[in-house]
């Protein structure tokens, strides 16, 4: 169980490193929804990945207060460096 958590956390840390670079770009199009897709792609790189146990909760600003919030492709807010970002990774 510990090894599984370490492997999963490695994917999350790769995602946060990606965010740290991407969000400084003025023309980025990264949203709550597309960010969750990037995270899942990074998690899938783990040889032992068997799928998410639930859809990742990826929310920024006021959306972070919505219980079990799941962004859609059309209504997702743009990620930014000025608001709190909530991530529950689906693992």
PDB file of N, CA and C in Angstrom:
ATOM      1  N   UNK A   1       0.818  -1.169   0.000  1.00  0.00           N
ATOM      2  CA  UNK A   1       0.000   0.000   0.000  1.00  0.00           C
ATOM      3  C   UNK A   1       0.880   1.257   0.000  1.00  0.00           C
ATOM      4  N   UNK A   2       1.937   1.226   0.768  1.00  0.00           N
ATOM      5  CA  UNK A   2       2.846   2.375   0.790  1.00  0.00           C
ATOM      6  C   UNK A   2       3.492   2.598  -0.575  1.00  0.00           C
ATOM      7  N   UNK A   3       3.935   1.526  -1.208  1.00  0.00           N
ATOM      8  CA  UNK A   3       4.561   1.648  -2.529  1.00  0.00           C
ATOM      9  C   UNK A   3       3.579   2.196  -3.564  1.00  0.00           C
ATOM     10  N   UNK A   4       2.320   1.771  -3.485  1.00  0.00           N
ATOM     11  CA  UNK A   4       1.304   2.285  -4.405  1.00  0.00           C
ATOM     12  C   UNK A   4       1.114   3.788  -4.199  1.00  0.00           C
ATOM     13  N   UNK A   5       1.114   4.220  -2.962  1.00  0.00           N
ATOM     14  CA  UNK A   5       0.958   5.641  -2.654  1.00  0.00           C
ATOM     15  C   UNK A   5       2.158   6.448  -3.158  1.00  0.00           C
ATOM     16  N   UNK A   6       3.339   5.899  -3.003  1.00  0.00           N
ATOM     17  CA  UNK A   6       4.545   6.586  -3.490  1.00  0.00           C
ATOM     18  C   UNK A   6       4.487   6.736  -5.010  1.00  0.00           C
ATOM     19  N   UNK A   7       4.091   5.675  -5.704  1.00  0.00           N
ATOM     20  CA  UNK A   7       3.993   5.739  -7.173  1.00  0.00           C
ATOM     21  C   UNK A   7       2.955   6.763  -7.607  1.00  0.00           C
ATOM     22  N   UNK A   8       1.812   6.782  -6.944  1.00  0.00           N
ATOM     23  CA  UNK A   8       0.766   7.735  -7.285  1.00  0.00           C
ATOM     24  C   UNK A   8       1.215   9.163  -6.996  1.00  0.00           C
ATOM     25  N   UNK A   9       1.863   9.366  -5.873  1.00  0.00           N
ATOM     26  CA  UNK A   9       2.349  10.709  -5.520  1.00  0.00           C
ATOM     27  C   UNK A   9       3.381  11.213  -6.517  1.00  0.00           C
ATOM     28  N   UNK A  10       4.146  10.325  -7.104  1.00  0.00           N
ATOM     29  CA  UNK A  10       5.117  10.733  -8.118  1.00  0.00           C
ATOM     30  C   UNK A  10       4.399  11.345  -9.318  1.00  0.00           C
ATOM     31  N   UNK A  11       3.277  10.776  -9.721  1.00  0.00           N
ATOM     32  CA  UNK A  11       2.489  11.332 -10.813  1.00  0.00           C
ATOM     33  C   UNK A  11       1.911  12.692 -10.461  1.00  0.00           C
ATOM     34  N   UNK A  12       1.452  12.830  -9.239  1.00  0.00           N
ATOM     35  CA  UNK A  12       0.904  14.111  -8.788  1.00  0.00           C
ATOM     36  C   UNK A  12       2.004  15.172  -8.750  1.00  0.00           C
ATOM     37  N   UNK A  13       3.180  14.807  -8.303  1.00  0.00           N
ATOM     38  CA  UNK A  13       4.286  15.773  -8.262  1.00  0.00           C
ATOM     39  C   UNK A  13       4.707  16.192  -9.672  1.00  0.00           C
ATOM     40  N   UNK A  14       4.673  15.258 -10.618  1.00  0.00           N
ATOM     41  CA  UNK A  14       4.953  15.626 -12.020  1.00  0.00           C
ATOM     42  C   UNK A  14       3.903  16.615 -12.518  1.00  0.00           C
ATOM     43  N   UNK A  15       2.658  16.413 -12.119  1.00  0.00           N
ATOM     44  CA  UNK A  15       1.579  17.325 -12.508  1.00  0.00           C
ATOM     45  C   UNK A  15       1.807  18.719 -11.914  1.00  0.00           C
ATOM     46  N   UNK A  16       2.150  18.781 -10.641  1.00  0.00           N
ATOM     47  CA  UNK A  16       2.389  20.089 -10.023  1.00  0.00           C
ATOM     48  C   UNK A  16       3.589  20.794 -10.652  1.00  0.00           C
ATOM     49  N   UNK A  17       4.609  20.044 -11.022  1.00  0.00           N
ATOM     50  CA  UNK A  17       5.758  20.639 -11.722  1.00  0.00           C
ATOM     51  C   UNK A  17       5.314  21.185 -13.077  1.00  0.00           C
ATOM     52  N   UNK A  18       4.460  20.434 -13.783  1.00  0.00           N
ATOM     53  CA  UNK A  18       3.898  20.894 -15.051  1.00  0.00           C
ATOM     54  C   UNK A  18       3.113  22.186 -14.845  1.00  0.00           C
ATOM     55  N   UNK A  19       2.264  22.222 -13.815  1.00  0.00           N
ATOM     56  CA  UNK A  19       1.477  23.423 -13.523  1.00  0.00           C
ATOM     57  C   UNK A  19       2.363  24.619 -13.235  1.00  0.00           C
ATOM     58  N   UNK A  20       3.398  24.382 -12.466  1.00  0.00           N
ATOM     59  CA  UNK A  20       4.291  25.474 -12.079  1.00  0.00           C
ATOM     60  C   UNK A  20       4.877  26.166 -13.310  1.00  0.00           C
ATOM     61  N   UNK A  21       5.190  25.418 -14.341  1.00  0.00           N
ATOM     62  CA  UNK A  21       5.716  26.008 -15.573  1.00  0.00           C
ATOM     63  C   UNK A  21       4.594  26.566 -16.454  1.00  0.00           C
ATOM     64  N   UNK A  22       3.526  25.817 -16.601  1.00  0.00           N
ATOM     65  CA  UNK A  22       2.461  26.160 -17.545  1.00  0.00           C
ATOM     66  C   UNK A  22       1.696  27.428 -17.143  1.00  0.00           C
ATOM     67  N   UNK A  23       1.420  27.579 -15.856  1.00  0.00           N
ATOM     68  CA  UNK A  23       0.571  28.696 -15.428  1.00  0.00           C
ATOM     69  C   UNK A  23       1.244  30.056 -15.544  1.00  0.00           C
ATOM     70  N   UNK A  24       2.548  30.098 -15.725  1.00  0.00           N
ATOM     71  CA  UNK A  24       3.228  31.378 -15.923  1.00  0.00           C
ATOM     72  C   UNK A  24       3.130  31.848 -17.369  1.00  0.00           C
ATOM     73  N   UNK A  25       2.723  30.968 -18.266  1.00  0.00           N
ATOM     74  CA  UNK A  25       2.563  31.349 -19.667  1.00  0.00           C
ATOM     75  C   UNK A  25       1.263  32.147 -19.810  1.00  0.00           C
ATOM     76  N   UNK A  26       1.358  33.338 -20.357  1.00  0.00           N
ATOM     77  CA  UNK A  26       0.176  34.200 -20.471  1.00  0.00           C
ATOM     78  C   UNK A  26      -0.894  33.625 -21.393  1.00  0.00           C
ATOM     79  N   UNK A  27      -0.485  32.820 -22.361  1.00  0.00           N
ATOM     80  CA  UNK A  27      -1.434  32.292 -23.336  1.00  0.00           C
ATOM     81  C   UNK A  27      -1.832  30.833 -23.079  1.00  0.00           C
ATOM     82  N   UNK A  28      -1.638  30.348 -21.851  1.00  0.00           N
ATOM     83  CA  UNK A  28      -2.016  28.956 -21.581  1.00  0.00           C
ATOM     84  C   UNK A  28      -3.541  28.823 -21.628  1.00  0.00           C
ATOM     85  N   UNK A  29      -4.004  27.665 -21.974  1.00  0.00           N
ATOM     86  CA  UNK A  29      -5.444  27.379 -22.027  1.00  0.00           C
ATOM     87  C   UNK A  29      -5.820  26.287 -21.038  1.00  0.00           C
ATOM     88  N   UNK A  30      -5.065  26.165 -19.975  1.00  0.00           N
ATOM     89  CA  UNK A  30      -5.279  25.083 -19.029  1.00  0.00           C
ATOM     90  C   UNK A  30      -6.458  25.400 -18.116  1.00  0.00           C
ATOM     91  N   UNK A  31      -7.435  24.505 -18.130  1.00  0.00           N
ATOM     92  CA  UNK A  31      -8.629  24.682 -17.308  1.00  0.00           C
ATOM     93  C   UNK A  31      -8.693  23.599 -16.239  1.00  0.00           C
ATOM     94  N   UNK A  32      -9.675  23.726 -15.373  1.00  0.00           N
ATOM     95  CA  UNK A  32      -9.897  22.690 -14.360  1.00  0.00           C
ATOM     96  C   UNK A  32     -10.051  21.332 -15.034  1.00  0.00           C
ATOM     97  N   UNK A  33     -10.788  21.281 -16.118  1.00  0.00           N
ATOM     98  CA  UNK A  33     -11.069  20.037 -16.819  1.00  0.00           C
ATOM     99  C   UNK A  33      -9.826  19.498 -17.529  1.00  0.00           C
ATOM    100  N   UNK A  34      -9.157  20.351 -18.321  1.00  0.00           N
ATOM    101  CA  UNK A  34      -7.986  19.871 -19.063  1.00  0.00           C
ATOM    102  C   UNK A  34      -6.835  19.536 -18.110  1.00  0.00           C
ATOM    103  N   UNK A  35      -6.751  20.253 -16.987  1.00  0.00           N
ATOM    104  CA  UNK A  35      -5.740  19.924 -15.983  1.00  0.00           C
ATOM    105  C   UNK A  35      -5.945  18.533 -15.414  1.00  0.00           C
ATOM    106  N   UNK A  36      -7.192  18.171 -15.156  1.00  0.00           N
ATOM    107  CA  UNK A  36      -7.484  16.829 -14.643  1.00  0.00           C
ATOM    108  C   UNK A  36      -7.096  15.758 -15.669  1.00  0.00           C
ATOM    109  N   UNK A  37      -7.268  16.063 -16.953  1.00  0.00           N
ATOM    110  CA  UNK A  37      -6.869  15.113 -17.997  1.00  0.00           C
ATOM    111  C   UNK A  37      -5.353  14.947 -18.048  1.00  0.00           C
ATOM    112  N   UNK A  38      -4.628  16.050 -17.891  1.00  0.00           N
ATOM    113  CA  UNK A  38      -3.155  15.977 -17.860  1.00  0.00           C
ATOM    114  C   UNK A  38      -2.714  15.114 -16.687  1.00  0.00           C
ATOM    115  N   UNK A  39      -3.317  15.349 -15.527  1.00  0.00           N
ATOM    116  CA  UNK A  39      -2.975  14.558 -14.345  1.00  0.00           C
ATOM    117  C   UNK A  39      -3.219  13.076 -14.599  1.00  0.00           C
ATOM    118  N   UNK A  40      -4.364  12.724 -15.157  1.00  0.00           N
ATOM    119  CA  UNK A  40      -4.656  11.313 -15.407  1.00  0.00           C
ATOM    120  C   UNK A  40      -3.647  10.708 -16.379  1.00  0.00           C
ATOM    121  N   UNK A  41      -3.271  11.454 -17.410  1.00  0.00           N
ATOM    122  CA  UNK A  41      -2.257  10.966 -18.351  1.00  0.00           C
ATOM    123  C   UNK A  41      -0.932  10.695 -17.649  1.00  0.00           C
ATOM    124  N   UNK A  42      -0.557  11.570 -16.716  1.00  0.00           N
ATOM    125  CA  UNK A  42       0.687  11.363 -15.966  1.00  0.00           C
ATOM    126  C   UNK A  42       0.574  10.155 -15.042  1.00  0.00           C
ATOM    127  N   UNK A  43      -0.579   9.970 -14.435  1.00  0.00           N
ATOM    128  CA  UNK A  43      -0.772   8.815 -13.561  1.00  0.00           C
ATOM    129  C   UNK A  43      -0.734   7.511 -14.360  1.00  0.00           C
ATOM    130  N   UNK A  44      -1.233   7.537 -15.583  1.00  0.00           N
ATOM    131  CA  UNK A  44      -1.249   6.338 -16.430  1.00  0.00           C
ATOM    132  C   UNK A  44       0.157   5.870 -16.797  1.00  0.00           C
ATOM    133  N   UNK A  45       1.142   6.730 -16.654  1.00  0.00           N
ATOM    134  CA  UNK A  45       2.522   6.349 -16.961  1.00  0.00           C
ATOM    135  C   UNK A  45       3.075   5.355 -15.944  1.00  0.00           C
ATOM    136  N   UNK A  46       2.424   5.216 -14.806  1.00  0.00           N
ATOM    137  CA  UNK A  46       2.802   4.245 -13.793  1.00  0.00           C
ATOM    138  C   UNK A  46       2.425   2.851 -14.305  1.00  0.00           C
ATOM    139  N   UNK A  47       3.383   1.949 -14.346  1.00  0.00           N
ATOM    140  CA  UNK A  47       3.149   0.589 -14.854  1.00  0.00           C
ATOM    141  C   UNK A  47       2.007  -0.129 -14.133  1.00  0.00           C
ATOM    142  N   UNK A  48       1.764   0.210 -12.879  1.00  0.00           N
ATOM    143  CA  UNK A  48       0.756  -0.488 -12.086  1.00  0.00           C
ATOM    144  C   UNK A  48      -0.589   0.235 -12.063  1.00  0.00           C
ATOM    145  N   UNK A  49      -0.735   1.297 -12.833  1.00  0.00           N
ATOM    146  CA  UNK A  49      -1.982   2.069 -12.859  1.00  0.00           C
ATOM    147  C   UNK A  49      -3.122   1.194 -13.359  1.00  0.00           C
ATOM    148  N   UNK A  50      -4.218   1.177 -12.622  1.00  0.00           N
ATOM    149  CA  UNK A  50      -5.381   0.362 -12.991  1.00  0.00           C
ATOM    150  C   UNK A  50      -6.635   1.202 -13.163  1.00  0.00           C
ATOM    151  N   UNK A  51      -6.499   2.516 -13.148  1.00  0.00           N
ATOM    152  CA  UNK A  51      -7.650   3.398 -13.319  1.00  0.00           C
ATOM    153  C   UNK A  51      -7.910   4.219 -12.075  1.00  0.00           C
ATOM    154  N   UNK A  52      -8.720   5.236 -12.265  1.00  0.00           N
ATOM    155  CA  UNK A  52      -9.082   6.102 -11.153  1.00  0.00           C
ATOM    156  C   UNK A  52     -10.191   5.450 -10.334  1.00  0.00           C
ATOM    157  N   UNK A  53     -10.179   5.680  -9.038  1.00  0.00           N
ATOM    158  CA  UNK A  53     -11.267   5.171  -8.209  1.00  0.00           C
ATOM    159  C   UNK A  53     -12.465   6.108  -8.264  1.00  0.00           C
ATOM    160  N   UNK A  54     -12.239   7.363  -8.633  1.00  0.00           N
ATOM    161  CA  UNK A  54     -13.301   8.338  -8.866  1.00  0.00           C
ATOM    162  C   UNK A  54     -12.725   9.443  -9.741  1.00  0.00           C
ATOM    163  N   UNK A  55     -13.602  10.194 -10.386  1.00  0.00           N
ATOM    164  CA  UNK A  55     -13.173  11.292 -11.235  1.00  0.00           C
ATOM    165  C   UNK A  55     -12.448  12.337 -10.392  1.00  0.00           C
ATOM    166  N   UNK A  56     -11.308  12.803 -10.864  1.00  0.00           N
ATOM    167  CA  UNK A  56     -10.545  13.787 -10.103  1.00  0.00           C
ATOM    168  C   UNK A  56     -11.345  15.068  -9.917  1.00  0.00           C
ATOM    169  N   UNK A  57     -11.253  15.613  -8.713  1.00  0.00           N
ATOM    170  CA  UNK A  57     -11.858  16.901  -8.417  1.00  0.00           C
ATOM    171  C   UNK A  57     -10.776  17.939  -8.647  1.00  0.00           C
ATOM    172  N   UNK A  58     -10.954  18.757  -9.657  1.00  0.00           N
ATOM    173  CA  UNK A  58      -9.999  19.788 -10.045  1.00  0.00           C
ATOM    174  C   UNK A  58     -10.781  21.087 -10.085  1.00  0.00           C
ATOM    175  N   UNK A  59     -10.556  21.967  -9.088  1.00  0.00           N
ATOM    176  CA  UNK A  59     -11.374  23.170  -8.995  1.00  0.00           C
ATOM    177  C   UNK A  59     -10.547  24.354  -8.502  1.00  0.00           C
ATOM    178  N   UNK A  60     -10.894  25.518  -9.019  1.00  0.00           N
ATOM    179  CA  UNK A  60     -10.175  26.721  -8.650  1.00  0.00           C
ATOM    180  C   UNK A  60     -11.151  27.786  -8.161  1.00  0.00           C
ATOM    181  N   UNK A  61     -10.663  28.607  -7.248  1.00  0.00           N
ATOM    182  CA  UNK A  61     -11.472  29.706  -6.732  1.00  0.00           C
ATOM    183  C   UNK A  61     -12.745  29.220  -6.072  1.00  0.00           C
ATOM    184  N   UNK A  62     -13.869  29.877  -6.365  1.00  0.00           N
ATOM    185  CA  UNK A  62     -15.142  29.519  -5.724  1.00  0.00           C
ATOM    186  C   UNK A  62     -15.596  28.087  -6.001  1.00  0.00           C
ATOM    187  N   UNK A  63     -15.163  27.514  -7.114  1.00  0.00           N
ATOM    188  CA  UNK A  63     -15.548  26.128  -7.420  1.00  0.00           C
ATOM    189  C   UNK A  63     -14.991  25.147  -6.395  1.00  0.00           C
ATOM    190  N   UNK A  64     -13.931  25.523  -5.698  1.00  0.00           N
ATOM    191  CA  UNK A  64     -13.343  24.665  -4.683  1.00  0.00           C
ATOM    192  C   UNK A  64     -14.264  24.436  -3.498  1.00  0.00           C
ATOM    193  N   UNK A  65     -15.290  25.275  -3.342  1.00  0.00           N
ATOM    194  CA  UNK A  65     -16.238  25.130  -2.239  1.00  0.00           C
ATOM    195  C   UNK A  65     -17.406  24.217  -2.594  1.00  0.00           C
ATOM    196  N   UNK A  66     -17.475  23.783  -3.849  1.00  0.00           N
ATOM    197  CA  UNK A  66     -18.581  22.936  -4.301  1.00  0.00           C
ATOM    198  C   UNK A  66     -18.221  21.479  -4.016  1.00  0.00           C
ATOM    199  N   UNK A  67     -19.033  20.838  -3.221  1.00  0.00           N
ATOM    200  CA  UNK A  67     -18.773  19.449  -2.837  1.00  0.00           C
ATOM    201  C   UNK A  67     -18.859  18.549  -4.070  1.00  0.00           C
ATOM    202  N   UNK A  68     -17.861  17.685  -4.242  1.00  0.00           N
ATOM    203  CA  UNK A  68     -17.778  16.731  -5.354  1.00  0.00           C
ATOM    204  C   UNK A  68     -17.834  17.419  -6.718  1.00  0.00           C
ATOM    205  N   UNK A  69     -17.268  18.608  -6.802  1.00  0.00           N
ATOM    206  CA  UNK A  69     -17.249  19.370  -8.048  1.00  0.00           C
ATOM    207  C   UNK A  69     -16.503  18.596  -9.124  1.00  0.00           C
ATOM    208  N   UNK A  70     -17.096  18.528 -10.300  1.00  0.00           N
ATOM    209  CA  UNK A  70     -16.444  17.898 -11.453  1.00  0.00           C
ATOM    210  C   UNK A  70     -16.609  18.833 -12.641  1.00  0.00           C
ATOM    211  N   UNK A  71     -15.529  19.425 -13.111  1.00  0.00           N
ATOM    212  CA  UNK A  71     -15.637  20.367 -14.223  1.00  0.00           C
ATOM    213  C   UNK A  71     -15.992  19.665 -15.522  1.00  0.00           C
ATOM    214  N   UNK A  72     -16.642  20.413 -16.400  1.00  0.00           N
ATOM    215  CA  UNK A  72     -16.920  19.895 -17.739  1.00  0.00           C
ATOM    216  C   UNK A  72     -16.023  20.631 -18.725  1.00  0.00           C
ATOM    217  N   UNK A  73     -15.887  20.104 -19.899  1.00  0.00           N
ATOM    218  CA  UNK A  73     -15.016  20.712 -20.907  1.00  0.00           C
ATOM    219  C   UNK A  73     -15.484  22.125 -21.261  1.00  0.00           C
ATOM    220  N   UNK A  74     -16.784  22.345 -21.296  1.00  0.00           N
ATOM    221  CA  UNK A  74     -17.320  23.640 -21.724  1.00  0.00           C
ATOM    222  C   UNK A  74     -17.412  24.675 -20.603  1.00  0.00           C
ATOM    223  N   UNK A  75     -17.548  24.244 -19.371  1.00  0.00           N
ATOM    224  CA  UNK A  75     -17.799  25.179 -18.271  1.00  0.00           C
ATOM    225  C   UNK A  75     -16.643  25.305 -17.286  1.00  0.00           C
ATOM    226  N   UNK A  76     -15.521  24.701 -17.566  1.00  0.00           N
ATOM    227  CA  UNK A  76     -14.390  24.719 -16.629  1.00  0.00           C
ATOM    228  C   UNK A  76     -13.735  26.096 -16.583  1.00  0.00           C
ATOM    229  N   UNK A  77     -13.320  26.476 -15.391  1.00  0.00           N
ATOM    230  CA  UNK A  77     -12.619  27.754 -15.205  1.00  0.00           C
ATOM    231  C   UNK A  77     -11.152  27.608 -15.580  1.00  0.00           C
ATOM    232  N   UNK A  78     -10.582  28.688 -16.046  1.00  0.00           N
ATOM    233  CA  UNK A  78      -9.165  28.728 -16.398  1.00  0.00           C
ATOM    234  C   UNK A  78      -8.326  28.693 -15.121  1.00  0.00           C
ATOM    235  N   UNK A  79      -7.308  27.856 -15.090  1.00  0.00           N
ATOM    236  CA  UNK A  79      -6.405  27.810 -13.940  1.00  0.00           C
ATOM    237  C   UNK A  79      -5.522  29.049 -13.951  1.00  0.00           C
ATOM    238  N   UNK A  80      -5.145  29.504 -12.755  1.00  0.00           N
ATOM    239  CA  UNK A  80      -4.320  30.705 -12.645  1.00  0.00           C
ATOM    240  C   UNK A  80      -3.514  30.672 -11.355  1.00  0.00           C
ATOM    241  N   UNK A  81      -2.654  31.636 -11.191  1.00  0.00           N
ATOM    242  CA  UNK A  81      -1.800  31.717 -10.004  1.00  0.00           C
ATOM    243  C   UNK A  81      -2.375  32.610  -8.913  1.00  0.00           C
ATOM    244  N   UNK A  82      -3.591  33.109  -9.096  1.00  0.00           N
ATOM    245  CA  UNK A  82      -4.157  34.075  -8.158  1.00  0.00           C
ATOM    246  C   UNK A  82      -5.227  33.507  -7.234  1.00  0.00           C
ATOM    247  N   UNK A  83      -5.658  32.282  -7.485  1.00  0.00           N
ATOM    248  CA  UNK A  83      -6.701  31.675  -6.668  1.00  0.00           C
ATOM    249  C   UNK A  83      -6.232  30.321  -6.156  1.00  0.00           C
ATOM    250  N   UNK A  84      -6.861  29.872  -5.099  1.00  0.00           N
ATOM    251  CA  UNK A  84      -6.526  28.561  -4.530  1.00  0.00           C
ATOM    252  C   UNK A  84      -7.044  27.479  -5.461  1.00  0.00           C
ATOM    253  N   UNK A  85      -6.195  26.482  -5.700  1.00  0.00           N
ATOM    254  CA  UNK A  85      -6.531  25.341  -6.558  1.00  0.00           C
ATOM    255  C   UNK A  85      -6.688  24.112  -5.681  1.00  0.00           C
ATOM    256  N   UNK A  86      -7.850  23.474  -5.770  1.00  0.00           N
ATOM    257  CA  UNK A  86      -8.139  22.244  -5.028  1.00  0.00           C
ATOM    258  C   UNK A  86      -8.022  21.059  -5.967  1.00  0.00           C
ATOM    259  N   UNK A  87      -7.258  20.067  -5.565  1.00  0.00           N
ATOM    260  CA  UNK A  87      -7.116  18.859  -6.359  1.00  0.00           C
ATOM    261  C   UNK A  87      -7.294  17.631  -5.473  1.00  0.00           C
ATOM    262  N   UNK A  88      -8.268  16.805  -5.826  1.00  0.00           N
ATOM    263  CA  UNK A  88      -8.431  15.492  -5.211  1.00  0.00           C
ATOM    264  C   UNK A  88      -8.255  14.521  -6.368  1.00  0.00           C
ATOM    265  N   UNK A  89      -7.148  13.811  -6.352  1.00  0.00           N
ATOM    266  CA  UNK A  89      -6.612  13.171  -7.548  1.00  0.00           C
ATOM    267  C   UNK A  89      -7.325  11.923  -8.051  1.00  0.00           C
ATOM    268  N   UNK A  90      -8.379  11.491  -7.471  1.00  0.00           N
ATOM    269  CA  UNK A  90      -9.085  10.319  -7.991  1.00  0.00           C
ATOM    270  C   UNK A  90      -8.446   8.992  -7.645  1.00  0.00           C
ATOM    271  N   UNK A  91      -7.552   8.992  -6.671  1.00  0.00           N
ATOM    272  CA  UNK A  91      -6.897   7.751  -6.265  1.00  0.00           C
ATOM    273  C   UNK A  91      -7.199   7.431  -4.843  1.00  0.00           C
TER     274      UNK A  91
END
